[in-house]
C-alpha atoms as a PDB file:
ATOM      1  CA  MET A   1      14.321  19.491  11.916  1.00  0.00           C
ATOM      2  CA  HIS A   2      13.679  17.180   8.946  1.00  0.00           C
ATOM      3  CA  GLN A   3      12.915  18.300   5.465  1.00  0.00           C
ATOM      4  CA  ILE A   4       9.758  15.601   4.863  1.00  0.00           C
ATOM      5  CA  ASN A   5       8.412  15.158   1.262  1.00  0.00           C
ATOM      6  CA  THR A   6       6.254  12.602  -0.836  1.00  0.00           C
ATOM      7  CA  ARG A   7       5.883  12.126  -4.284  1.00  0.00           C
ATOM      8  CA  PRO A   8       5.036   9.853  -7.062  1.00  0.00           C
ATOM      9  CA  ALA A   9       7.119   7.056  -7.980  1.00  0.00           C
ATOM     10  CA  GLN A  10       9.161   7.213 -10.933  1.00  0.00           C
ATOM     11  CA  PRO A  11      10.227   4.193 -12.868  1.00  0.00           C
ATOM     12  CA  GLN A  12      14.112   4.743 -11.375  1.00  0.00           C
ATOM     13  CA  ASP A  13      12.302   3.869  -7.770  1.00  0.00           C
ATOM     14  CA  VAL A  14      11.491   0.323  -8.760  1.00  0.00           C
ATOM     15  CA  ARG A  15      14.264  -0.941  -7.178  1.00  0.00           C
ATOM     16  CA  PHE A  16      14.217   1.056  -4.014  1.00  0.00           C
ATOM     17  CA  ILE A  17      10.699  -0.045  -4.270  1.00  0.00           C
ATOM     18  CA  ILE A  18      11.232  -3.918  -4.460  1.00  0.00           C
ATOM     19  CA  GLU A  19      13.954  -3.287  -1.193  1.00  0.00           C
ATOM     20  CA  LEU A  20      11.309  -1.791   0.826  1.00  0.00           C
ATOM     21  CA  ILE A  21       9.099  -5.231   0.007  1.00  0.00           C
ATOM     22  CA  GLY A  22      11.445  -7.152   1.322  1.00  0.00           C
ATOM     23  CA  GLU A  23      12.035  -5.359   4.264  1.00  0.00           C
ATOM     24  CA  LEU A  24       8.095  -5.306   4.854  1.00  0.00           C
ATOM     25  CA  ALA A  25       7.989  -8.953   4.618  1.00  0.00           C
ATOM     26  CA  GLU A  26      10.681  -9.390   6.665  1.00  0.00           C
ATOM     27  CA  TYR A  27       8.921  -7.374   9.545  1.00  0.00           C
ATOM     28  CA  GLU A  28       5.515  -9.025   9.069  1.00  0.00           C
ATOM     29  CA  LYS A  29       8.084 -12.456   9.409  1.00  0.00           C
ATOM     30  CA  VAL A  30       7.051 -13.711   5.844  1.00  0.00           C
ATOM     31  CA  SER A  31      10.108 -13.210   3.570  1.00  0.00           C
ATOM     32  CA  ASP A  32       9.690 -16.633   2.485  1.00  0.00           C
ATOM     33  CA  GLN A  33       6.440 -15.596   0.881  1.00  0.00           C
ATOM     34  CA  VAL A  34       8.345 -12.747  -1.296  1.00  0.00           C
ATOM     35  CA  VAL A  35       8.675 -13.183  -5.073  1.00  0.00           C
ATOM     36  CA  ALA A  36       8.556  -9.609  -6.107  1.00  0.00           C
ATOM     37  CA  ASP A  37       9.736  -9.168  -9.367  1.00  0.00           C
ATOM     38  CA  PRO A  38      11.187  -5.781 -10.679  1.00  0.00           C
ATOM     39  CA  ALA A  39      10.248  -5.828 -14.090  1.00  0.00           C
ATOM     40  CA  GLN A  40       6.709  -6.840 -13.541  1.00  0.00           C
ATOM     41  CA  LEU A  41       6.501  -4.112 -10.821  1.00  0.00           C
ATOM     42  CA  SER A  42       7.442  -1.726 -13.361  1.00  0.00           C
ATOM     43  CA  GLU A  43       5.229  -3.172 -15.924  1.00  0.00           C
ATOM     44  CA  HIS A  44       2.324  -2.709 -13.253  1.00  0.00           C
ATOM     45  CA  LEU A  45       2.923   0.415 -11.810  1.00  0.00           C
ATOM     46  CA  PHE A  46       4.262   2.289 -15.185  1.00  0.00           C
ATOM     47  CA  GLY A  47       2.751   0.406 -18.293  1.00  0.00           C
ATOM     48  CA  ALA A  48       0.753   0.648 -20.761  1.00  0.00           C
ATOM     49  CA  LYS A  49      -2.173  -0.327 -18.204  1.00  0.00           C
ATOM     50  CA  PRO A  50      -0.942   0.549 -14.741  1.00  0.00           C
ATOM     51  CA  TYR A  51      -2.872  -1.314 -12.043  1.00  0.00           C
ATOM     52  CA  ALA A  52      -1.199  -0.025  -8.627  1.00  0.00           C
ATOM     53  CA  GLU A  53       0.599   3.638  -7.979  1.00  0.00           C
ATOM     54  CA  VAL A  54       2.960   4.416  -5.510  1.00  0.00           C
ATOM     55  CA  LEU A  55       4.380   7.344  -3.367  1.00  0.00           C
ATOM     56  CA  ILE A  56       7.360   7.843  -2.370  1.00  0.00           C
ATOM     57  CA  GLY A  57       8.370   9.323   1.296  1.00  0.00           C
ATOM     58  CA  GLU A  58      11.929  11.280   1.665  1.00  0.00           C
ATOM     59  CA  ILE A  59      13.477  12.736   4.560  1.00  0.00           C
ATOM     60  CA  ASP A  60      16.003  15.330   3.835  1.00  0.00           C
ATOM     61  CA  GLY A  61      15.821  14.449  -0.259  1.00  0.00           C
ATOM     62  CA  VAL A  62      16.573  10.501   0.879  1.00  0.00           C
ATOM     63  CA  PRO A  63      13.795   7.868  -0.129  1.00  0.00           C
ATOM     64  CA  MET A  64      12.839   6.217   3.306  1.00  0.00           C
ATOM     65  CA  GLY A  65       9.437   4.713   2.914  1.00  0.00           C
ATOM     66  CA  PHE A  66       6.830   4.083   0.151  1.00  0.00           C
ATOM     67  CA  ALA A  67       2.890   3.655  -0.312  1.00  0.00           C
ATOM     68  CA  LEU A  68       1.357   1.466  -2.624  1.00  0.00           C
ATOM     69  CA  PHE A  69      -2.068   1.604  -3.458  1.00  0.00           C
ATOM     70  CA  PHE A  70      -5.245   1.322  -6.353  1.00  0.00           C
ATOM     71  CA  HIS A  71      -8.299   2.024  -6.839  1.00  0.00           C
ATOM     72  CA  ASN A  72     -11.538   0.360  -5.853  1.00  0.00           C
ATOM     73  CA  TYR A  73     -14.896   0.756  -5.954  1.00  0.00           C
ATOM     74  CA  SER A  74     -18.227   1.298  -3.449  1.00  0.00           C
ATOM     75  CA  THR A  75     -21.183   0.434  -5.189  1.00  0.00           C
ATOM     76  CA  PHE A  76     -23.072   2.222  -1.737  1.00  0.00           C
ATOM     77  CA  LEU A  77     -21.144   5.580  -2.079  1.00  0.00           C
ATOM     78  CA  THR A  78     -21.144   5.258  -5.631  1.00  0.00           C
ATOM     79  CA  LYS A  79     -17.680   6.457  -5.817  1.00  0.00           C
ATOM     80  CA  PRO A  80     -14.343   5.410  -6.091  1.00  0.00           C
ATOM     81  CA  GLY A  81     -11.931   4.281  -3.426  1.00  0.00           C
ATOM     82  CA  ILE A  82      -8.354   4.087  -2.504  1.00  0.00           C
ATOM     83  CA  TYR A  83      -7.028   0.803  -1.063  1.00  0.00           C
ATOM     84  CA  LEU A  84      -3.687   1.436   0.356  1.00  0.00           C
ATOM     85  CA  GLU A  85      -2.080  -2.204   0.077  1.00  0.00           C
ATOM     86  CA  ASP A  86       1.259  -1.216   1.944  1.00  0.00           C
ATOM     87  CA  LEU A  87       2.776   1.452   3.925  1.00  0.00           C
ATOM     88  CA  TYR A  88       5.950   1.197   4.912  1.00  0.00           C
ATOM     89  CA  VAL A  89       9.077   3.366   6.294  1.00  0.00           C
ATOM     90  CA  ARG A  90      12.319   2.224   7.665  1.00  0.00           C
ATOM     91  CA  GLN A  91      12.666   1.897  10.779  1.00  0.00           C
ATOM     92  CA  SER A  92      15.570   4.377  11.292  1.00  0.00           C
ATOM     93  CA  ALA A  93      13.300   7.196   9.675  1.00  0.00           C
ATOM     94  CA  ARG A  94      10.012   6.123  12.037  1.00  0.00           C
ATOM     95  CA  GLY A  95       9.165   8.709  14.490  1.00  0.00           C
ATOM     96  CA  VAL A  96       9.650  11.859  12.745  1.00  0.00           C
ATOM     97  CA  GLY A  97       6.292  12.017  10.590  1.00  0.00           C
ATOM     98  CA  LEU A  98       6.847  10.382   7.315  1.00  0.00           C
ATOM     99  CA  GLY A  99       4.080   7.751   7.818  1.00  0.00           C
ATOM    100  CA  LYS A 100       1.691  10.499   8.829  1.00  0.00           C
ATOM    101  CA  ALA A 101       3.119  12.489   5.568  1.00  0.00           C
ATOM    102  CA  LEU A 102       2.336   9.507   3.472  1.00  0.00           C
ATOM    103  CA  LEU A 103      -1.134   9.038   4.366  1.00  0.00           C
ATOM    104  CA  GLY A 104      -1.916  12.649   4.245  1.00  0.00           C
ATOM    105  CA  ALA A 105      -0.799  12.743   0.788  1.00  0.00           C
ATOM    106  CA  LEU A 106      -2.593   9.823  -0.175  1.00  0.00           C
ATOM    107  CA  ALA A 107      -5.592  11.304   1.347  1.00  0.00           C
ATOM    108  CA  LYS A 108      -5.080  14.259  -0.435  1.00  0.00           C
ATOM    109  CA  LEU A 109      -5.383  12.433  -3.656  1.00  0.00           C
ATOM    110  CA  ALA A 110      -8.537  10.639  -2.465  1.00  0.00           C
ATOM    111  CA  VAL A 111     -10.292  13.603  -2.155  1.00  0.00           C
ATOM    112  CA  GLU A 112      -9.062  15.158  -5.014  1.00  0.00           C
ATOM    113  CA  ARG A 113     -10.396  12.332  -6.895  1.00  0.00           C
ATOM    114  CA  ASN A 114     -13.329  12.235  -5.559  1.00  0.00           C
ATOM    115  CA  CYS A 115     -13.015   9.154  -3.343  1.00  0.00           C
ATOM    116  CA  GLY A 116     -15.625   7.841  -1.076  1.00  0.00           C
ATOM    117  CA  ARG A 117     -12.954   6.141   1.311  1.00  0.00           C
ATOM    118  CA  LEU A 118      -9.659   5.354   2.136  1.00  0.00           C
ATOM    119  CA  GLU A 119      -9.112   1.801   3.406  1.00  0.00           C
ATOM    120  CA  TRP A 120      -6.324  -0.554   4.163  1.00  0.00           C
ATOM    121  CA  SER A 121      -5.809  -3.818   6.123  1.00  0.00           C
ATOM    122  CA  VAL A 122      -3.290  -4.281   9.279  1.00  0.00           C
ATOM    123  CA  LEU A 123      -2.241  -7.147  10.922  1.00  0.00           C
ATOM    124  CA  ASP A 124      -3.722  -7.948  13.993  1.00  0.00           C
ATOM    125  CA  TRP A 125      -0.323  -8.130  16.319  1.00  0.00           C
ATOM    126  CA  ASN A 126       1.135  -5.093  14.655  1.00  0.00           C
ATOM    127  CA  GLU A 127       0.360  -2.971  17.892  1.00  0.00           C
ATOM    128  CA  PRO A 128       2.390   0.035  16.950  1.00  0.00           C
ATOM    129  CA  ALA A 129       0.335   0.543  13.274  1.00  0.00           C
ATOM    130  CA  ILE A 130      -2.877  -0.052  14.882  1.00  0.00           C
ATOM    131  CA  GLY A 131      -2.088   2.824  17.491  1.00  0.00           C
ATOM    132  CA  PHE A 132      -0.772   5.190  14.758  1.00  0.00           C
ATOM    133  CA  TYR A 133      -4.262   4.505  12.596  1.00  0.00           C
ATOM    134  CA  LYS A 134      -6.584   5.039  15.161  1.00  0.00           C
ATOM    135  CA  LYS A 135      -4.570   8.402  16.591  1.00  0.00           C
ATOM    136  CA  LEU A 136      -5.272   9.434  12.601  1.00  0.00           C
ATOM    137  CA  GLY A 137      -9.227   8.462  13.605  1.00  0.00           C
ATOM    138  CA  ALA A 138      -9.136   5.559  11.368  1.00  0.00           C
ATOM    139  CA  VAL A 139     -12.014   3.160  12.429  1.00  0.00           C
ATOM    140  CA  PRO A 140     -11.499  -0.818  12.387  1.00  0.00           C
ATOM    141  CA  GLN A 141     -13.748  -2.624  10.000  1.00  0.00           C
ATOM    142  CA  ASP A 142     -14.401  -5.553  12.684  1.00  0.00           C
ATOM    143  CA  GLU A 143     -17.575  -7.228  11.365  1.00  0.00           C
ATOM    144  CA  TRP A 144     -15.384  -7.708   7.933  1.00  0.00           C
ATOM    145  CA  THR A 145     -13.560 -10.503   7.329  1.00  0.00           C
ATOM    146  CA  VAL A 146     -11.203 -10.721   4.750  1.00  0.00           C
ATOM    147  CA  TYR A 147     -11.427 -14.193   2.126  1.00  0.00           C
ATOM    148  CA  ARG A 148      -8.424 -14.667  -0.187  1.00  0.00           C
ATOM    149  CA  LEU A 149      -8.014 -17.250  -3.364  1.00  0.00           C
ATOM    150  CA  THR A 150      -4.776 -18.073  -4.570  1.00  0.00           C
ATOM    151  CA  GLY A 151      -2.664 -20.918  -6.549  1.00  0.00           C
ATOM    152  CA  SER A 152      -4.459 -23.931  -7.145  1.00  0.00           C
ATOM    153  CA  ALA A 153      -7.831 -22.878  -5.769  1.00  0.00           C
ATOM    154  CA  LEU A 154      -7.865 -19.699  -7.718  1.00  0.00           C
ATOM    155  CA  GLY A 155      -7.025 -21.997 -11.061  1.00  0.00           C
ATOM    156  CA  GLU A 156      -9.993 -24.224  -9.879  1.00  0.00           C
ATOM    157  CA  LEU A 157     -12.693 -21.136  -9.529  1.00  0.00           C
ATOM    158  CA  ALA A 158     -11.637 -19.545 -13.003  1.00  0.00           C
ATOM    159  CA  ALA A 159     -11.844 -22.817 -14.970  1.00  0.00           C
ATOM    160  CA  TYR A 160     -15.524 -23.254 -13.598  1.00  0.00           C
ATOM    161  CA  ASN A 161     -17.214 -21.791 -16.257  1.00  0.00           C
ATOM    162  CA  ASN A 162     -15.092 -23.771 -19.208  1.00  0.00           C
ATOM    163  CA  LYS A 163     -16.144 -27.334 -17.701  1.00  0.00           C
END
């Protein structure tokens, strides 16, 4: 029987988190898009104005997974929510309950912080993850489509009011 533990990330975990971001990108077949910078991640997690938080998942005292999340807000519920940006467990550690432990710890934080919901996105082709989430009682939001602005399109819109 393995000892499973979750804990808040510490500054010394940044290199590990960067490693797992790379592994996640490889799994999602988007390694070419990763430009993650350890100093920037450290500042965004532990600096004067943190933008996100991370839970580290350990098996027998060895870090094997992470969950990176941040708060959002529901105007309909007039409550904060938690958005799970990334959840990743190393392949060698899957199937022992670490992913569920990380999500459980995140759900506990959501309840403690009086959040109205916990949300995340999953790639359409990621059937193992979809099955896992459905077993937990998560419900897909099929009526919503995610839109994204990046690069020059983001810059052009940002400059709109300066013309």
